[in-house]
Amino acid sequence: MNPAMQREELMLPNGPGFERVPIQSIQYIESDKRLCKVVTANRSYTIYASIRGFEEMLSKPHFLRIHKRYIVAMDYVLYIGKAEIKVAGRALPVSRKAKLALQEMFLKYR
């Protein structure tokens, strides 16, 4: 995707309508089969979507898929452990496959 055409916000369901959510406010996305929970500092949004769709839509190096169920925003990663990271006060698992990429990205990103 052309960086000039990168999205700056998402339209996420909120009650009977939709709400504009700035992409930079997203801390992480959690998937549970076809439901995804998009978590921001102020609230979370639960929508029917695939995590793969979010992964394709959100730009690297700002977002990284760390597990089959999680995508994190690198701005909010506070700690990287052996098999988990801390994002916005919550511990999230990191797959073995994503661990090396996460460590490299974390060192380059800061």
C-alpha atoms as a PDB file:
ATOM      1  CA  MET A   1       0.000   0.000   0.000  1.00  0.00           C
ATOM      2  CA  ASN A   2       1.254   3.468  -0.852  1.00  0.00           C
ATOM      3  CA  PRO A   3       2.247   5.321   2.381  1.00  0.00           C
ATOM      4  CA  ALA A   4       0.522   8.485   1.114  1.00  0.00           C
ATOM      5  CA  MET A   5      -2.724   6.522   0.990  1.00  0.00           C
ATOM      6  CA  GLN A   6      -2.336   5.005   4.467  1.00  0.00           C
ATOM      7  CA  ARG A   7      -5.466   5.213   6.594  1.00  0.00           C
ATOM      8  CA  GLU A   8      -5.418   7.559   9.564  1.00  0.00           C
ATOM      9  CA  GLU A   9      -8.640   6.373  11.190  1.00  0.00           C
ATOM     10  CA  LEU A  10     -11.063   3.471  11.195  1.00  0.00           C
ATOM     11  CA  MET A  11     -14.839   3.537  11.309  1.00  0.00           C
ATOM     12  CA  LEU A  12     -15.806   1.110  14.079  1.00  0.00           C
ATOM     13  CA  PRO A  13     -19.308   0.150  15.238  1.00  0.00           C
ATOM     14  CA  ASN A  14     -20.585   1.963  18.300  1.00  0.00           C
ATOM     15  CA  GLY A  15     -24.170   1.172  19.274  1.00  0.00           C
ATOM     16  CA  PRO A  16     -26.484   1.684  16.307  1.00  0.00           C
ATOM     17  CA  GLY A  17     -23.889   3.719  14.366  1.00  0.00           C
ATOM     18  CA  PHE A  18     -20.185   4.052  13.725  1.00  0.00           C
ATOM     19  CA  GLU A  19     -17.420   6.047  15.369  1.00  0.00           C
ATOM     20  CA  ARG A  20     -14.210   7.431  13.863  1.00  0.00           C
ATOM     21  CA  VAL A  21     -11.260   5.967  15.772  1.00  0.00           C
ATOM     22  CA  PRO A  22      -7.776   7.371  15.080  1.00  0.00           C
ATOM     23  CA  ILE A  23      -5.389   4.547  14.229  1.00  0.00           C
ATOM     24  CA  GLN A  24      -2.718   6.031  16.501  1.00  0.00           C
ATOM     25  CA  SER A  25      -5.077   5.536  19.480  1.00  0.00           C
ATOM     26  CA  ILE A  26      -5.257   1.742  18.967  1.00  0.00           C
ATOM     27  CA  GLN A  27      -3.192  -0.090  21.596  1.00  0.00           C
ATOM     28  CA  TYR A  28      -3.835  -3.664  20.486  1.00  0.00           C
ATOM     29  CA  ILE A  29      -6.301  -5.911  18.698  1.00  0.00           C
ATOM     30  CA  GLU A  30      -7.412  -9.244  20.115  1.00  0.00           C
ATOM     31  CA  SER A  31      -9.108 -11.916  18.023  1.00  0.00           C
ATOM     32  CA  ASP A  32     -11.449 -14.670  19.107  1.00  0.00           C
ATOM     33  CA  LYS A  33     -12.358 -16.524  15.924  1.00  0.00           C
ATOM     34  CA  ARG A  34     -14.511 -14.050  13.932  1.00  0.00           C
ATOM     35  CA  LEU A  35     -14.770 -11.441  16.699  1.00  0.00           C
ATOM     36  CA  CYS A  36     -12.056  -8.833  17.112  1.00  0.00           C
ATOM     37  CA  LYS A  37     -11.709  -6.483  20.030  1.00  0.00           C
ATOM     38  CA  VAL A  38     -10.000  -3.201  19.128  1.00  0.00           C
ATOM     39  CA  VAL A  39      -8.618  -1.675  22.339  1.00  0.00           C
ATOM     40  CA  THR A  40      -7.844   2.029  22.773  1.00  0.00           C
ATOM     41  CA  ALA A  41      -6.997   4.010  25.907  1.00  0.00           C
ATOM     42  CA  ASN A  42     -10.616   5.133  26.266  1.00  0.00           C
ATOM     43  CA  ARG A  43     -12.615   2.036  25.338  1.00  0.00           C
ATOM     44  CA  SER A  44     -12.764  -1.152  23.315  1.00  0.00           C
ATOM     45  CA  TYR A  45     -14.825  -1.996  20.244  1.00  0.00           C
ATOM     46  CA  THR A  46     -15.953  -5.535  19.470  1.00  0.00           C
ATOM     47  CA  ILE A  47     -16.628  -6.218  15.819  1.00  0.00           C
ATOM     48  CA  TYR A  48     -17.068  -9.125  13.440  1.00  0.00           C
ATOM     49  CA  ALA A  49     -13.849  -9.120  11.420  1.00  0.00           C
ATOM     50  CA  SER A  50     -10.738 -11.179  10.801  1.00  0.00           C
ATOM     51  CA  ILE A  51      -7.461 -10.356  12.441  1.00  0.00           C
ATOM     52  CA  ARG A  52      -5.806 -10.951   9.067  1.00  0.00           C
ATOM     53  CA  GLY A  53      -7.819  -8.049   7.646  1.00  0.00           C
ATOM     54  CA  PHE A  54      -6.509  -5.763  10.380  1.00  0.00           C
ATOM     55  CA  GLU A  55      -2.986  -7.037   9.847  1.00  0.00           C
ATOM     56  CA  GLU A  56      -3.148  -6.136   6.149  1.00  0.00           C
ATOM     57  CA  MET A  57      -4.755  -2.750   6.841  1.00  0.00           C
ATOM     58  CA  LEU A  58      -2.428  -1.499   9.602  1.00  0.00           C
ATOM     59  CA  SER A  59       1.046  -0.355   8.663  1.00  0.00           C
ATOM     60  CA  LYS A  60       4.344  -1.754   9.787  1.00  0.00           C
ATOM     61  CA  PRO A  61       6.463  -0.757  11.697  1.00  0.00           C
ATOM     62  CA  HIS A  62       3.753   0.743  13.894  1.00  0.00           C
ATOM     63  CA  PHE A  63       1.770  -2.485  14.253  1.00  0.00           C
ATOM     64  CA  LEU A  64       2.990  -6.064  14.539  1.00  0.00           C
ATOM     65  CA  ARG A  65       1.201  -9.374  14.799  1.00  0.00           C
ATOM     66  CA  ILE A  66       2.748 -11.075  17.824  1.00  0.00           C
ATOM     67  CA  HIS A  67       0.466 -14.109  18.103  1.00  0.00           C
ATOM     68  CA  LYS A  68      -2.313 -15.756  16.133  1.00  0.00           C
ATOM     69  CA  ARG A  69      -4.754 -13.794  18.305  1.00  0.00           C
ATOM     70  CA  TYR A  70      -2.959 -10.427  18.808  1.00  0.00           C
ATOM     71  CA  ILE A  71      -1.708  -7.381  16.926  1.00  0.00           C
ATOM     72  CA  VAL A  72       0.008  -4.688  18.982  1.00  0.00           C
ATOM     73  CA  ALA A  73       0.850  -1.046  18.407  1.00  0.00           C
ATOM     74  CA  MET A  74       4.575  -0.598  18.999  1.00  0.00           C
ATOM     75  CA  ASP A  75       3.961   2.818  20.610  1.00  0.00           C
ATOM     76  CA  TYR A  76       2.278   1.072  23.551  1.00  0.00           C
ATOM     77  CA  VAL A  77       4.731  -1.817  24.113  1.00  0.00           C
ATOM     78  CA  LEU A  78       6.285  -1.216  27.525  1.00  0.00           C
ATOM     79  CA  TYR A  79       8.064  -4.507  28.197  1.00  0.00           C
ATOM     80  CA  ILE A  80       9.209  -7.584  26.275  1.00  0.00           C
ATOM     81  CA  GLY A  81       9.707 -10.794  28.233  1.00  0.00           C
ATOM     82  CA  LYS A  82      10.531 -14.358  27.203  1.00  0.00           C
ATOM     83  CA  ALA A  83       7.024 -15.297  26.059  1.00  0.00           C
ATOM     84  CA  GLU A  84       4.950 -12.193  26.709  1.00  0.00           C
ATOM     85  CA  ILE A  85       4.871  -8.451  26.339  1.00  0.00           C
ATOM     86  CA  LYS A  86       3.130  -5.716  28.275  1.00  0.00           C
ATOM     87  CA  VAL A  87       0.892  -3.351  26.385  1.00  0.00           C
ATOM     88  CA  ALA A  88      -1.098  -0.704  28.215  1.00  0.00           C
ATOM     89  CA  GLY A  89      -0.854  -2.609  31.502  1.00  0.00           C
ATOM     90  CA  ARG A  90      -1.915  -5.961  30.038  1.00  0.00           C
ATOM     91  CA  ALA A  91       0.331  -8.988  29.500  1.00  0.00           C
ATOM     92  CA  LEU A  92      -0.089 -10.517  26.030  1.00  0.00           C
ATOM     93  CA  PRO A  93       1.458 -13.751  24.744  1.00  0.00           C
ATOM     94  CA  VAL A  94       4.110 -13.731  22.015  1.00  0.00           C
ATOM     95  CA  SER A  95       4.482 -16.689  19.677  1.00  0.00           C
ATOM     96  CA  ARG A  96       7.918 -18.189  19.104  1.00  0.00           C
ATOM     97  CA  LYS A  97       7.580 -17.267  15.440  1.00  0.00           C
ATOM     98  CA  ALA A  98       6.991 -13.567  16.183  1.00  0.00           C
ATOM     99  CA  LYS A  99       9.459 -13.166  19.067  1.00  0.00           C
ATOM    100  CA  LEU A 100      12.569 -12.402  17.003  1.00  0.00           C
ATOM    101  CA  ALA A 101      10.731  -9.957  14.727  1.00  0.00           C
ATOM    102  CA  LEU A 102       9.252  -8.241  17.780  1.00  0.00           C
ATOM    103  CA  GLN A 103      12.628  -7.848  19.483  1.00  0.00           C
ATOM    104  CA  GLU A 104      14.240  -6.474  16.311  1.00  0.00           C
ATOM    105  CA  MET A 105      11.365  -4.091  15.685  1.00  0.00           C
ATOM    106  CA  PHE A 106      11.299  -2.909  19.301  1.00  0.00           C
ATOM    107  CA  LEU A 107      15.017  -2.048  19.215  1.00  0.00           C
ATOM    108  CA  LYS A 108      14.715  -0.219  15.885  1.00  0.00           C
ATOM    109  CA  TYR A 109      11.425   1.448  16.694  1.00  0.00           C
ATOM    110  CA  ARG A 110      12.472   3.340  19.829  1.00  0.00           C
END
